[in-house]
Amino acid sequence: MVVDLTVAIPTYNGERRLPEVLERLQFSCKDVMLRSLQSEHFSWEVIVVDNNSTDDTAKVVQAYQVNWPKQYPLKYCFEPNQGAAFARHRAFQEARGTLVGFLDDDNIPAPDWVLAAHTFAQEHPAAGAYGSQIHGVFEVSPPENFERLAPFLAITERGSTPLRYEPKKKVLPPSAGLVVRKQAWLESVPSQLILSGRTPSSMVTSEDLEMLSYIQSKGWEIWYNPTMQIDHKIPHWRLEREYLIPFFRGIGLSRHVTRMLSVKSWQRPIATLAYMTNDLRKIAVHLLKHGTRVQSDLIAACEMQLFVSSLISPFYLWQHGYFDSKD
């Protein structure tokens, strides 16, 4: 049976993080039922996609299933292929919803997030995907000038008015709190993406941007929906150098893929050279601006890592076989 919305939660070893997300969604079930006039023609489900966890994630979901409202079922599936792209692909396969909304296991949605997601789709039928307003909830205070890095950590605060992402600006929402129209995904996204997402052995990321670029290139609109609000819990270790430097390296190393998606094949050598020239310019300007502080200042060091990794991205991806047997 088709439902209006599937809320998918990809997770890896989310045993400790999942309960708070599920508690909030369970509360949302009650909120929808209370709004009987709105919920009469609105059906939804929740799917936890266990992305090869080694902890008790499955047992946590089973415990919640016992008392979960039957009208809005809570399901569990296991995806053995590591990586967010594989988990999201599995979610689309399992989902019965015409809309598929994604929450990470550290995303705490507002009580009305589910209804807001459904309402926006009805008001914007050309929207192939739309992202949430995401607020950072920090375990410790972030470093000075952290606002320069915030968007990369899926913190998206673009005001209270809906905003359409224009293709020419090459800016897209993160996968956290993202809702995708299943029809847009089926029509646009290939069965195998080049980028698969971060894993314990690789920090190469941006698989969500690759997916959204395909959807946008097919003419679907991509939006920011501020009525869908999420608190993104950020633990102390995600603000430490040991995490952030490899994190920005992974973003940079993936950039050649997302940069080339909107470029025709015959134009790619020229575009690659142009991007590399611009990356070199950014590195030079950054060094002139920050000087010797480029390593001691954590924010400046992350930005430098992003620029350098973006520069070597095409060589890294080719050397590590990311383009093997892929268009």
C-alpha atoms as a PDB file:
ATOM      1  CA  MET A   1       0.000   0.000   0.000  1.00  0.00           C
ATOM      2  CA  VAL A   2       1.327   3.439  -0.949  1.00  0.00           C
ATOM      3  CA  VAL A   3       1.643   6.034   1.818  1.00  0.00           C
ATOM      4  CA  ASP A   4       2.190   9.778   1.637  1.00  0.00           C
ATOM      5  CA  LEU A   5       5.550   9.960   3.419  1.00  0.00           C
ATOM      6  CA  THR A   6       8.321   7.618   4.478  1.00  0.00           C
ATOM      7  CA  VAL A   7      10.716   8.897   7.139  1.00  0.00           C
ATOM      8  CA  ALA A   8      14.000   7.023   6.623  1.00  0.00           C
ATOM      9  CA  ILE A   9      16.751   6.991   9.243  1.00  0.00           C
ATOM     10  CA  PRO A  10      20.061   5.611   7.912  1.00  0.00           C
ATOM     11  CA  THR A  11      22.293   4.713  10.845  1.00  0.00           C
ATOM     12  CA  TYR A  12      25.615   3.100  11.595  1.00  0.00           C
ATOM     13  CA  ASN A  13      26.095   1.972  15.196  1.00  0.00           C
ATOM     14  CA  GLY A  14      23.275   4.277  16.286  1.00  0.00           C
ATOM     15  CA  GLU A  15      22.303   2.324  19.382  1.00  0.00           C
ATOM     16  CA  ARG A  16      22.762   5.328  21.683  1.00  0.00           C
ATOM     17  CA  ARG A  17      21.634   8.058  19.285  1.00  0.00           C
ATOM     18  CA  LEU A  18      18.502   6.485  17.814  1.00  0.00           C
ATOM     19  CA  PRO A  19      16.251   6.562  20.918  1.00  0.00           C
ATOM     20  CA  GLU A  20      15.958  10.351  21.011  1.00  0.00           C
ATOM     21  CA  VAL A  21      15.058  10.503  17.305  1.00  0.00           C
ATOM     22  CA  LEU A  22      12.490   7.712  17.665  1.00  0.00           C
ATOM     23  CA  GLU A  23      10.991   9.321  20.786  1.00  0.00           C
ATOM     24  CA  ARG A  24      10.427  12.534  18.850  1.00  0.00           C
ATOM     25  CA  LEU A  25       8.877  10.706  15.900  1.00  0.00           C
ATOM     26  CA  GLN A  26       6.660   8.733  18.276  1.00  0.00           C
ATOM     27  CA  PHE A  27       5.486  12.058  19.679  1.00  0.00           C
ATOM     28  CA  SER A  28       4.877  13.220  16.101  1.00  0.00           C
ATOM     29  CA  CYS A  29       2.567  10.221  15.631  1.00  0.00           C
ATOM     30  CA  LYS A  30       0.442  11.495  18.507  1.00  0.00           C
ATOM     31  CA  ASP A  31       0.555  15.038  17.123  1.00  0.00           C
ATOM     32  CA  VAL A  32      -0.712  13.858  13.730  1.00  0.00           C
ATOM     33  CA  MET A  33      -3.496  11.830  15.333  1.00  0.00           C
ATOM     34  CA  LEU A  34      -4.614  14.837  17.383  1.00  0.00           C
ATOM     35  CA  ARG A  35      -4.918  16.923  14.227  1.00  0.00           C
ATOM     36  CA  SER A  36      -7.608  14.604  12.913  1.00  0.00           C
ATOM     37  CA  LEU A  37      -8.776  16.918  10.163  1.00  0.00           C
ATOM     38  CA  GLN A  38      -5.278  17.050   8.700  1.00  0.00           C
ATOM     39  CA  SER A  39      -4.303  13.455   9.338  1.00  0.00           C
ATOM     40  CA  GLU A  40      -7.482  11.950   7.874  1.00  0.00           C
ATOM     41  CA  HIS A  41      -5.927  11.901   4.422  1.00  0.00           C
ATOM     42  CA  PHE A  42      -2.298  11.674   5.496  1.00  0.00           C
ATOM     43  CA  SER A  43      -0.435   8.390   6.005  1.00  0.00           C
ATOM     44  CA  TRP A  44       3.227   7.823   6.827  1.00  0.00           C
ATOM     45  CA  GLU A  45       5.776   5.314   8.049  1.00  0.00           C
ATOM     46  CA  VAL A  46       9.248   5.184   9.584  1.00  0.00           C
ATOM     47  CA  ILE A  47      12.092   2.964   8.332  1.00  0.00           C
ATOM     48  CA  VAL A  48      15.399   2.547  10.153  1.00  0.00           C
ATOM     49  CA  VAL A  49      18.085   1.517   7.666  1.00  0.00           C
ATOM     50  CA  ASP A  50      20.812  -0.249   9.611  1.00  0.00           C
ATOM     51  CA  ASN A  51      23.963   0.365   7.553  1.00  0.00           C
ATOM     52  CA  ASN A  52      26.018  -2.639   8.675  1.00  0.00           C
ATOM     53  CA  SER A  53      26.054  -1.778  12.385  1.00  0.00           C
ATOM     54  CA  THR A  54      27.981  -3.913  14.842  1.00  0.00           C
ATOM     55  CA  ASP A  55      26.143  -2.749  17.975  1.00  0.00           C
ATOM     56  CA  ASP A  56      22.558  -3.348  19.222  1.00  0.00           C
ATOM     57  CA  THR A  57      20.844  -0.989  16.777  1.00  0.00           C
ATOM     58  CA  ALA A  58      18.418  -3.741  15.708  1.00  0.00           C
ATOM     59  CA  LYS A  59      17.408  -4.464  19.311  1.00  0.00           C
ATOM     60  CA  VAL A  60      16.723  -0.775  19.938  1.00  0.00           C
ATOM     61  CA  VAL A  61      14.317  -0.651  16.990  1.00  0.00           C
ATOM     62  CA  GLN A  62      12.632  -3.887  18.057  1.00  0.00           C
ATOM     63  CA  ALA A  63      12.012  -2.462  21.527  1.00  0.00           C
ATOM     64  CA  TYR A  64      10.290   0.610  20.080  1.00  0.00           C
ATOM     65  CA  GLN A  65       8.207  -1.452  17.661  1.00  0.00           C
ATOM     66  CA  VAL A  66       6.357  -3.069  20.596  1.00  0.00           C
ATOM     67  CA  ASN A  67       4.457   0.124  21.486  1.00  0.00           C
ATOM     68  CA  TRP A  68       4.672   1.991  18.190  1.00  0.00           C
ATOM     69  CA  PRO A  69       1.326   3.254  16.763  1.00  0.00           C
ATOM     70  CA  LYS A  70       0.121   0.772  14.148  1.00  0.00           C
ATOM     71  CA  GLN A  71      -1.271   3.558  11.936  1.00  0.00           C
ATOM     72  CA  TYR A  72       2.278   4.804  11.281  1.00  0.00           C
ATOM     73  CA  PRO A  73       4.428   1.648  11.252  1.00  0.00           C
ATOM     74  CA  LEU A  74       8.046   1.520  12.366  1.00  0.00           C
ATOM     75  CA  LYS A  75      10.112  -0.807  10.178  1.00  0.00           C
ATOM     76  CA  TYR A  76      13.693  -2.053  10.206  1.00  0.00           C
ATOM     77  CA  CYS A  77      15.956  -3.185   7.369  1.00  0.00           C
ATOM     78  CA  PHE A  78      19.633  -4.097   7.156  1.00  0.00           C
ATOM     79  CA  GLU A  79      21.923  -2.765   4.421  1.00  0.00           C
ATOM     80  CA  PRO A  80      25.300  -4.574   4.414  1.00  0.00           C
ATOM     81  CA  ASN A  81      27.051  -2.273   1.922  1.00  0.00           C
ATOM     82  CA  GLN A  82      28.759   0.455   3.948  1.00  0.00           C
ATOM     83  CA  GLY A  83      28.116   4.041   2.928  1.00  0.00           C
ATOM     84  CA  ALA A  84      25.318   6.598   3.042  1.00  0.00           C
ATOM     85  CA  ALA A  85      24.578   6.264  -0.681  1.00  0.00           C
ATOM     86  CA  PHE A  86      23.884   2.530  -0.258  1.00  0.00           C
ATOM     87  CA  ALA A  87      21.703   3.200   2.795  1.00  0.00           C
ATOM     88  CA  ARG A  88      19.665   5.839   0.974  1.00  0.00           C
ATOM     89  CA  HIS A  89      19.282   3.606  -2.080  1.00  0.00           C
ATOM     90  CA  ARG A  90      17.969   0.845   0.179  1.00  0.00           C
ATOM     91  CA  ALA A  91      15.579   3.319   1.800  1.00  0.00           C
ATOM     92  CA  PHE A  92      14.087   4.188  -1.583  1.00  0.00           C
ATOM     93  CA  GLN A  93      13.694   0.490  -2.378  1.00  0.00           C
ATOM     94  CA  GLU A  94      11.896  -0.195   0.907  1.00  0.00           C
ATOM     95  CA  ALA A  95       9.853   3.007   1.110  1.00  0.00           C
ATOM     96  CA  ARG A  96       6.162   2.963   0.289  1.00  0.00           C
ATOM     97  CA  GLY A  97       5.942   6.752   0.462  1.00  0.00           C
ATOM     98  CA  THR A  98       5.549   9.068  -2.510  1.00  0.00           C
ATOM     99  CA  LEU A  99       7.857  11.294  -0.452  1.00  0.00           C
ATOM    100  CA  VAL A 100      10.958  10.026   1.339  1.00  0.00           C
ATOM    101  CA  GLY A 101      12.313  12.182   4.168  1.00  0.00           C
ATOM    102  CA  PHE A 102      15.769  11.503   5.600  1.00  0.00           C
ATOM    103  CA  LEU A 103      16.845  12.043   9.188  1.00  0.00           C
ATOM    104  CA  ASP A 104      20.308  11.229  10.475  1.00  0.00           C
ATOM    105  CA  ASP A 105      20.437   9.524  13.850  1.00  0.00           C
ATOM    106  CA  ASP A 106      21.645  12.782  15.423  1.00  0.00           C
ATOM    107  CA  ASN A 107      18.803  14.870  13.929  1.00  0.00           C
ATOM    108  CA  ILE A 108      15.986  15.743  16.336  1.00  0.00           C
ATOM    109  CA  PRO A 109      13.008  16.960  14.261  1.00  0.00           C
ATOM    110  CA  ALA A 110      10.468  19.459  15.548  1.00  0.00           C
ATOM    111  CA  PRO A 111       7.162  17.821  16.540  1.00  0.00           C
ATOM    112  CA  ASP A 112       5.488  19.185  13.386  1.00  0.00           C
ATOM    113  CA  TRP A 113       8.359  18.247  11.019  1.00  0.00           C
ATOM    114  CA  VAL A 114       6.397  15.382   9.453  1.00  0.00           C
ATOM    115  CA  LEU A 115       3.318  17.491   8.729  1.00  0.00           C
ATOM    116  CA  ALA A 116       5.456  20.394   7.483  1.00  0.00           C
ATOM    117  CA  ALA A 117       7.247  18.031   5.077  1.00  0.00           C
ATOM    118  CA  HIS A 118       3.965  16.774   3.652  1.00  0.00           C
ATOM    119  CA  THR A 119       2.410  20.244   3.383  1.00  0.00           C
ATOM    120  CA  PHE A 120       5.360  21.701   1.459  1.00  0.00           C
ATOM    121  CA  ALA A 121       5.133  18.970  -1.179  1.00  0.00           C
ATOM    122  CA  GLN A 122       1.483  19.801  -1.800  1.00  0.00           C
ATOM    123  CA  GLU A 123       2.275  23.505  -2.150  1.00  0.00           C
ATOM    124  CA  HIS A 124       5.302  22.957  -4.426  1.00  0.00           C
ATOM    125  CA  PRO A 125       4.496  20.141  -6.885  1.00  0.00           C
ATOM    126  CA  ALA A 126       7.616  20.899  -8.985  1.00  0.00           C
ATOM    127  CA  ALA A 127       9.918  20.382  -6.000  1.00  0.00           C
ATOM    128  CA  GLY A 128      11.942  17.222  -6.491  1.00  0.00           C
ATOM    129  CA  ALA A 129      13.614  17.675  -3.119  1.00  0.00           C
ATOM    130  CA  TYR A 130      13.692  20.174  -0.286  1.00  0.00           C
ATOM    131  CA  GLY A 131      15.806  20.616   2.817  1.00  0.00           C
ATOM    132  CA  SER A 132      15.084  21.624   6.384  1.00  0.00           C
ATOM    133  CA  GLN A 133      16.130  24.536   8.541  1.00  0.00           C
ATOM    134  CA  ILE A 134      18.820  22.944  10.710  1.00  0.00           C
ATOM    135  CA  HIS A 135      20.078  24.376  13.986  1.00  0.00           C
ATOM    136  CA  GLY A 136      23.327  23.247  15.564  1.00  0.00           C
ATOM    137  CA  VAL A 137      23.132  21.986  19.141  1.00  0.00           C
ATOM    138  CA  PHE A 138      26.706  21.851  20.408  1.00  0.00           C
ATOM    139  CA  GLU A 139      27.996  19.753  23.273  1.00  0.00           C
ATOM    140  CA  VAL A 140      30.781  22.331  23.711  1.00  0.00           C
ATOM    141  CA  SER A 141      31.127  25.866  22.391  1.00  0.00           C
ATOM    142  CA  PRO A 142      32.414  25.900  18.809  1.00  0.00           C
ATOM    143  CA  PRO A 143      35.711  27.672  18.033  1.00  0.00           C
ATOM    144  CA  GLU A 144      35.886  31.313  17.028  1.00  0.00           C
ATOM    145  CA  ASN A 145      34.761  32.014  13.440  1.00  0.00           C
ATOM    146  CA  PHE A 146      33.044  28.620  13.282  1.00  0.00           C
ATOM    147  CA  GLU A 147      30.234  30.174  11.212  1.00  0.00           C
ATOM    148  CA  ARG A 148      32.565  29.885   8.191  1.00  0.00           C
ATOM    149  CA  LEU A 149      32.429  26.080   8.528  1.00  0.00           C
ATOM    150  CA  ALA A 150      28.871  25.621   9.823  1.00  0.00           C
ATOM    151  CA  PRO A 151      27.182  24.867   6.453  1.00  0.00           C
ATOM    152  CA  PHE A 152      29.576  21.964   5.881  1.00  0.00           C
ATOM    153  CA  LEU A 153      28.356  20.354   9.115  1.00  0.00           C
ATOM    154  CA  ALA A 154      24.736  20.385   7.897  1.00  0.00           C
ATOM    155  CA  ILE A 155      23.760  23.560   9.751  1.00  0.00           C
ATOM    156  CA  THR A 156      21.358  25.368   7.447  1.00  0.00           C
ATOM    157  CA  GLU A 157      19.783  28.599   8.649  1.00  0.00           C
ATOM    158  CA  ARG A 158      18.671  30.604   5.607  1.00  0.00           C
ATOM    159  CA  GLY A 159      15.879  32.593   7.194  1.00  0.00           C
ATOM    160  CA  SER A 160      12.136  32.088   7.565  1.00  0.00           C
ATOM    161  CA  THR A 161      11.171  32.335   3.888  1.00  0.00           C
ATOM    162  CA  PRO A 162      11.244  29.347   1.482  1.00  0.00           C
ATOM    163  CA  LEU A 163      14.174  29.578  -0.921  1.00  0.00           C
ATOM    164  CA  ARG A 164      14.740  27.874  -4.248  1.00  0.00           C
ATOM    165  CA  TYR A 165      18.295  26.688  -4.931  1.00  0.00           C
ATOM    166  CA  GLU A 166      19.297  28.050  -8.335  1.00  0.00           C
ATOM    167  CA  PRO A 167      21.394  25.645 -10.468  1.00  0.00           C
ATOM    168  CA  LYS A 168      23.862  28.357 -11.508  1.00  0.00           C
ATOM    169  CA  LYS A 169      24.848  29.005  -7.871  1.00  0.00           C
ATOM    170  CA  LYS A 170      25.878  25.350  -7.343  1.00  0.00           C
ATOM    171  CA  VAL A 171      24.611  25.307  -3.759  1.00  0.00           C
ATOM    172  CA  LEU A 172      22.398  22.458  -2.525  1.00  0.00           C
ATOM    173  CA  PRO A 173      20.980  21.382   0.856  1.00  0.00           C
ATOM    174  CA  PRO A 174      22.526  18.615   2.970  1.00  0.00           C
ATOM    175  CA  SER A 175      20.940  15.179   3.232  1.00  0.00           C
ATOM    176  CA  ALA A 176      20.105  15.711   6.906  1.00  0.00           C
ATOM    177  CA  GLY A 177      16.422  16.660   7.008  1.00  0.00           C
ATOM    178  CA  LEU A 178      16.091  16.276   3.243  1.00  0.00           C
ATOM    179  CA  VAL A 179      12.790  15.210   1.672  1.00  0.00           C
ATOM    180  CA  VAL A 180      12.887  13.705  -1.839  1.00  0.00           C
ATOM    181  CA  ARG A 181       9.941  13.095  -4.105  1.00  0.00           C
ATOM    182  CA  LYS A 182      10.264   9.430  -5.016  1.00  0.00           C
ATOM    183  CA  GLN A 183       9.216  10.083  -8.607  1.00  0.00           C
ATOM    184  CA  ALA A 184      12.088  12.573  -8.978  1.00  0.00           C
ATOM    185  CA  TRP A 185      14.566  10.035  -7.628  1.00  0.00           C
ATOM    186  CA  LEU A 186      13.303   7.257  -9.923  1.00  0.00           C
ATOM    187  CA  GLU A 187      13.455   9.516 -12.985  1.00  0.00           C
ATOM    188  CA  SER A 188      16.826  11.117 -12.263  1.00  0.00           C
ATOM    189  CA  VAL A 189      19.262   9.150 -10.113  1.00  0.00           C
ATOM    190  CA  PRO A 190      21.296   6.282 -11.617  1.00  0.00           C
ATOM    191  CA  SER A 191      21.345   2.960  -9.790  1.00  0.00           C
ATOM    192  CA  GLN A 192      25.042   3.374  -9.005  1.00  0.00           C
ATOM    193  CA  LEU A 193      26.585   6.666  -7.919  1.00  0.00           C
ATOM    194  CA  ILE A 194      30.293   7.422  -8.087  1.00  0.00           C
ATOM    195  CA  LEU A 195      30.398   8.573  -4.467  1.00  0.00           C
ATOM    196  CA  SER A 196      29.171   6.223  -1.757  1.00  0.00           C
ATOM    197  CA  GLY A 197      29.699   8.340   1.364  1.00  0.00           C
ATOM    198  CA  ARG A 198      31.962   8.229   4.394  1.00  0.00           C
ATOM    199  CA  THR A 199      32.883   4.854   5.847  1.00  0.00           C
ATOM    200  CA  PRO A 200      35.257   3.849   8.658  1.00  0.00           C
ATOM    201  CA  SER A 201      38.006   3.545   6.054  1.00  0.00           C
ATOM    202  CA  SER A 202      37.240   6.590   3.867  1.00  0.00           C
ATOM    203  CA  MET A 203      36.171  10.192   4.507  1.00  0.00           C
ATOM    204  CA  VAL A 204      35.240  10.912   0.861  1.00  0.00           C
ATOM    205  CA  THR A 205      31.741  12.337   0.981  1.00  0.00           C
ATOM    206  CA  SER A 206      29.222  14.512  -0.987  1.00  0.00           C
ATOM    207  CA  GLU A 207      27.150  11.551  -2.195  1.00  0.00           C
ATOM    208  CA  ASP A 208      24.055  13.583  -1.249  1.00  0.00           C
ATOM    209  CA  LEU A 209      25.124  16.433  -3.543  1.00  0.00           C
ATOM    210  CA  GLU A 210      25.723  13.970  -6.370  1.00  0.00           C
ATOM    211  CA  MET A 211      22.175  12.621  -5.957  1.00  0.00           C
ATOM    212  CA  LEU A 212      20.624  16.105  -5.790  1.00  0.00           C
ATOM    213  CA  SER A 213      22.609  17.300  -8.806  1.00  0.00           C
ATOM    214  CA  TYR A 214      21.072  14.537 -10.903  1.00  0.00           C
ATOM    215  CA  ILE A 215      17.581  15.485  -9.719  1.00  0.00           C
ATOM    216  CA  GLN A 216      18.149  19.179 -10.398  1.00  0.00           C
ATOM    217  CA  SER A 217      19.645  18.486 -13.844  1.00  0.00           C
ATOM    218  CA  LYS A 218      16.382  16.764 -14.858  1.00  0.00           C
ATOM    219  CA  GLY A 219      14.452  19.981 -14.280  1.00  0.00           C
ATOM    220  CA  TRP A 220      13.131  19.309 -10.768  1.00  0.00           C
ATOM    221  CA  GLU A 221      13.258  22.216  -8.340  1.00  0.00           C
ATOM    222  CA  ILE A 222      15.302  22.009  -5.117  1.00  0.00           C
ATOM    223  CA  TRP A 223      14.088  24.093  -2.165  1.00  0.00           C
ATOM    224  CA  TYR A 224      14.875  25.191   1.378  1.00  0.00           C
ATOM    225  CA  ASN A 225      11.792  24.790   3.585  1.00  0.00           C
ATOM    226  CA  PRO A 226      12.173  26.713   6.870  1.00  0.00           C
ATOM    227  CA  THR A 227       8.970  25.285   8.364  1.00  0.00           C
ATOM    228  CA  MET A 228      10.726  21.895   8.676  1.00  0.00           C
ATOM    229  CA  GLN A 229      13.000  22.508  11.658  1.00  0.00           C
ATOM    230  CA  ILE A 230      15.642  20.166  13.061  1.00  0.00           C
ATOM    231  CA  ASP A 231      18.140  20.286  15.912  1.00  0.00           C
ATOM    232  CA  HIS A 232      21.438  18.738  14.814  1.00  0.00           C
ATOM    233  CA  LYS A 233      23.332  17.409  17.827  1.00  0.00           C
ATOM    234  CA  ILE A 234      27.078  17.914  17.420  1.00  0.00           C
ATOM    235  CA  PRO A 235      29.318  16.172  19.978  1.00  0.00           C
ATOM    236  CA  HIS A 236      32.593  17.674  21.156  1.00  0.00           C
ATOM    237  CA  TRP A 237      34.767  15.396  19.030  1.00  0.00           C
ATOM    238  CA  ARG A 238      33.251  16.720  15.807  1.00  0.00           C
ATOM    239  CA  LEU A 239      34.774  20.119  16.617  1.00  0.00           C
ATOM    240  CA  GLU A 240      38.287  18.778  17.153  1.00  0.00           C
ATOM    241  CA  ARG A 241      41.139  18.967  14.663  1.00  0.00           C
ATOM    242  CA  GLU A 242      41.442  15.172  14.498  1.00  0.00           C
ATOM    243  CA  TYR A 243      37.947  14.969  13.028  1.00  0.00           C
ATOM    244  CA  LEU A 244      37.643  18.231  11.104  1.00  0.00           C
ATOM    245  CA  ILE A 245      40.818  18.073   8.995  1.00  0.00           C
ATOM    246  CA  PRO A 246      40.023  14.587   7.522  1.00  0.00           C
ATOM    247  CA  PHE A 247      36.380  15.685   7.193  1.00  0.00           C
ATOM    248  CA  PHE A 248      37.256  18.670   4.998  1.00  0.00           C
ATOM    249  CA  ARG A 249      39.776  16.596   3.112  1.00  0.00           C
ATOM    250  CA  GLY A 250      36.946  14.192   2.224  1.00  0.00           C
ATOM    251  CA  ILE A 251      34.712  17.017   1.021  1.00  0.00           C
ATOM    252  CA  GLY A 252      37.473  18.426  -1.151  1.00  0.00           C
ATOM    253  CA  LEU A 253      38.456  15.074  -2.642  1.00  0.00           C
ATOM    254  CA  SER A 254      34.875  14.483  -3.796  1.00  0.00           C
ATOM    255  CA  ARG A 255      34.471  17.832  -5.526  1.00  0.00           C
ATOM    256  CA  HIS A 256      35.522  16.818  -9.025  1.00  0.00           C
ATOM    257  CA  VAL A 257      32.448  14.572  -9.256  1.00  0.00           C
ATOM    258  CA  THR A 258      29.919  17.210  -8.218  1.00  0.00           C
ATOM    259  CA  ARG A 259      31.629  19.882 -10.306  1.00  0.00           C
ATOM    260  CA  MET A 260      31.473  17.830 -13.503  1.00  0.00           C
ATOM    261  CA  LEU A 261      27.850  16.619 -13.261  1.00  0.00           C
ATOM    262  CA  SER A 262      26.501  19.698 -15.023  1.00  0.00           C
ATOM    263  CA  VAL A 263      29.343  19.822 -17.576  1.00  0.00           C
ATOM    264  CA  LYS A 264      29.129  18.089 -20.949  1.00  0.00           C
ATOM    265  CA  SER A 265      31.708  15.368 -21.567  1.00  0.00           C
ATOM    266  CA  TRP A 266      33.643  17.269 -24.236  1.00  0.00           C
ATOM    267  CA  GLN A 267      33.879  20.339 -21.982  1.00  0.00           C
ATOM    268  CA  ARG A 268      35.246  18.494 -18.930  1.00  0.00           C
ATOM    269  CA  PRO A 269      38.984  18.831 -19.660  1.00  0.00           C
ATOM    270  CA  ILE A 270      38.593  22.599 -20.033  1.00  0.00           C
ATOM    271  CA  ALA A 271      36.336  22.840 -16.982  1.00  0.00           C
ATOM    272  CA  THR A 272      38.756  20.755 -14.915  1.00  0.00           C
ATOM    273  CA  LEU A 273      41.627  23.097 -15.816  1.00  0.00           C
ATOM    274  CA  ALA A 274      39.485  26.138 -14.975  1.00  0.00           C
ATOM    275  CA  TYR A 275      38.510  24.717 -11.584  1.00  0.00           C
ATOM    276  CA  MET A 276      42.120  23.805 -10.784  1.00  0.00           C
ATOM    277  CA  THR A 277      43.254  27.324 -11.685  1.00  0.00           C
ATOM    278  CA  ASN A 278      40.612  28.753  -9.366  1.00  0.00           C
ATOM    279  CA  ASP A 279      41.640  26.359  -6.595  1.00  0.00           C
ATOM    280  CA  LEU A 280      45.253  27.532  -6.939  1.00  0.00           C
ATOM    281  CA  ARG A 281      44.052  31.134  -6.721  1.00  0.00           C
ATOM    282  CA  LYS A 282      42.092  30.362  -3.536  1.00  0.00           C
ATOM    283  CA  ILE A 283      45.143  28.688  -1.981  1.00  0.00           C
ATOM    284  CA  ALA A 284      47.356  31.690  -2.777  1.00  0.00           C
ATOM    285  CA  VAL A 285      44.811  34.203  -1.430  1.00  0.00           C
ATOM    286  CA  HIS A 286      44.305  32.117   1.695  1.00  0.00           C
ATOM    287  CA  LEU A 287      48.053  31.975   2.361  1.00  0.00           C
ATOM    288  CA  LEU A 288      48.387  35.730   1.863  1.00  0.00           C
ATOM    289  CA  LYS A 289      45.465  36.376   4.200  1.00  0.00           C
ATOM    290  CA  HIS A 290      46.403  34.030   7.038  1.00  0.00           C
ATOM    291  CA  GLY A 291      50.159  33.586   6.647  1.00  0.00           C
ATOM    292  CA  THR A 292      51.712  31.416   9.343  1.00  0.00           C
ATOM    293  CA  ARG A 293      48.318  31.114  11.104  1.00  0.00           C
ATOM    294  CA  VAL A 294      47.058  28.837   8.327  1.00  0.00           C
ATOM    295  CA  GLN A 295      47.995  25.803  10.426  1.00  0.00           C
ATOM    296  CA  SER A 296      47.569  27.067  13.992  1.00  0.00           C
ATOM    297  CA  ASP A 297      44.112  28.563  13.344  1.00  0.00           C
ATOM    298  CA  LEU A 298      41.732  25.564  13.131  1.00  0.00           C
ATOM    299  CA  ILE A 299      39.180  27.300  10.896  1.00  0.00           C
ATOM    300  CA  ALA A 300      41.863  28.528   8.466  1.00  0.00           C
ATOM    301  CA  ALA A 301      43.466  25.061   8.473  1.00  0.00           C
ATOM    302  CA  CYS A 302      40.147  23.418   7.557  1.00  0.00           C
ATOM    303  CA  GLU A 303      39.621  25.882   4.717  1.00  0.00           C
ATOM    304  CA  MET A 304      43.129  25.264   3.409  1.00  0.00           C
ATOM    305  CA  GLN A 305      42.560  21.512   3.529  1.00  0.00           C
ATOM    306  CA  LEU A 306      39.357  22.002   1.520  1.00  0.00           C
ATOM    307  CA  PHE A 307      41.127  24.078  -1.165  1.00  0.00           C
ATOM    308  CA  VAL A 308      44.109  21.732  -1.498  1.00  0.00           C
ATOM    309  CA  SER A 309      41.956  18.601  -1.586  1.00  0.00           C
ATOM    310  CA  SER A 310      39.668  20.166  -4.181  1.00  0.00           C
ATOM    311  CA  LEU A 311      42.730  20.844  -6.333  1.00  0.00           C
ATOM    312  CA  ILE A 312      43.880  17.209  -6.292  1.00  0.00           C
ATOM    313  CA  SER A 313      40.370  15.730  -6.408  1.00  0.00           C
ATOM    314  CA  PRO A 314      40.389  14.546 -10.070  1.00  0.00           C
ATOM    315  CA  PHE A 315      43.741  12.800  -9.631  1.00  0.00           C
ATOM    316  CA  TYR A 316      42.766  11.178  -6.332  1.00  0.00           C
ATOM    317  CA  LEU A 317      39.445   9.851  -7.637  1.00  0.00           C
ATOM    318  CA  TRP A 318      41.053   8.474 -10.786  1.00  0.00           C
ATOM    319  CA  GLN A 319      43.940   6.859  -8.885  1.00  0.00           C
ATOM    320  CA  HIS A 320      41.571   5.174  -6.408  1.00  0.00           C
ATOM    321  CA  GLY A 321      39.261   3.763  -9.071  1.00  0.00           C
ATOM    322  CA  TYR A 322      36.154   5.836  -8.418  1.00  0.00           C
ATOM    323  CA  PHE A 323      35.474   6.129 -12.154  1.00  0.00           C
ATOM    324  CA  ASP A 324      35.943   2.426 -12.921  1.00  0.00           C
ATOM    325  CA  SER A 325      32.920   1.027 -14.776  1.00  0.00           C
ATOM    326  CA  LYS A 326      30.994   4.242 -14.173  1.00  0.00           C
ATOM    327  CA  ASP A 327      29.813   6.849 -16.610  1.00  0.00           C
END
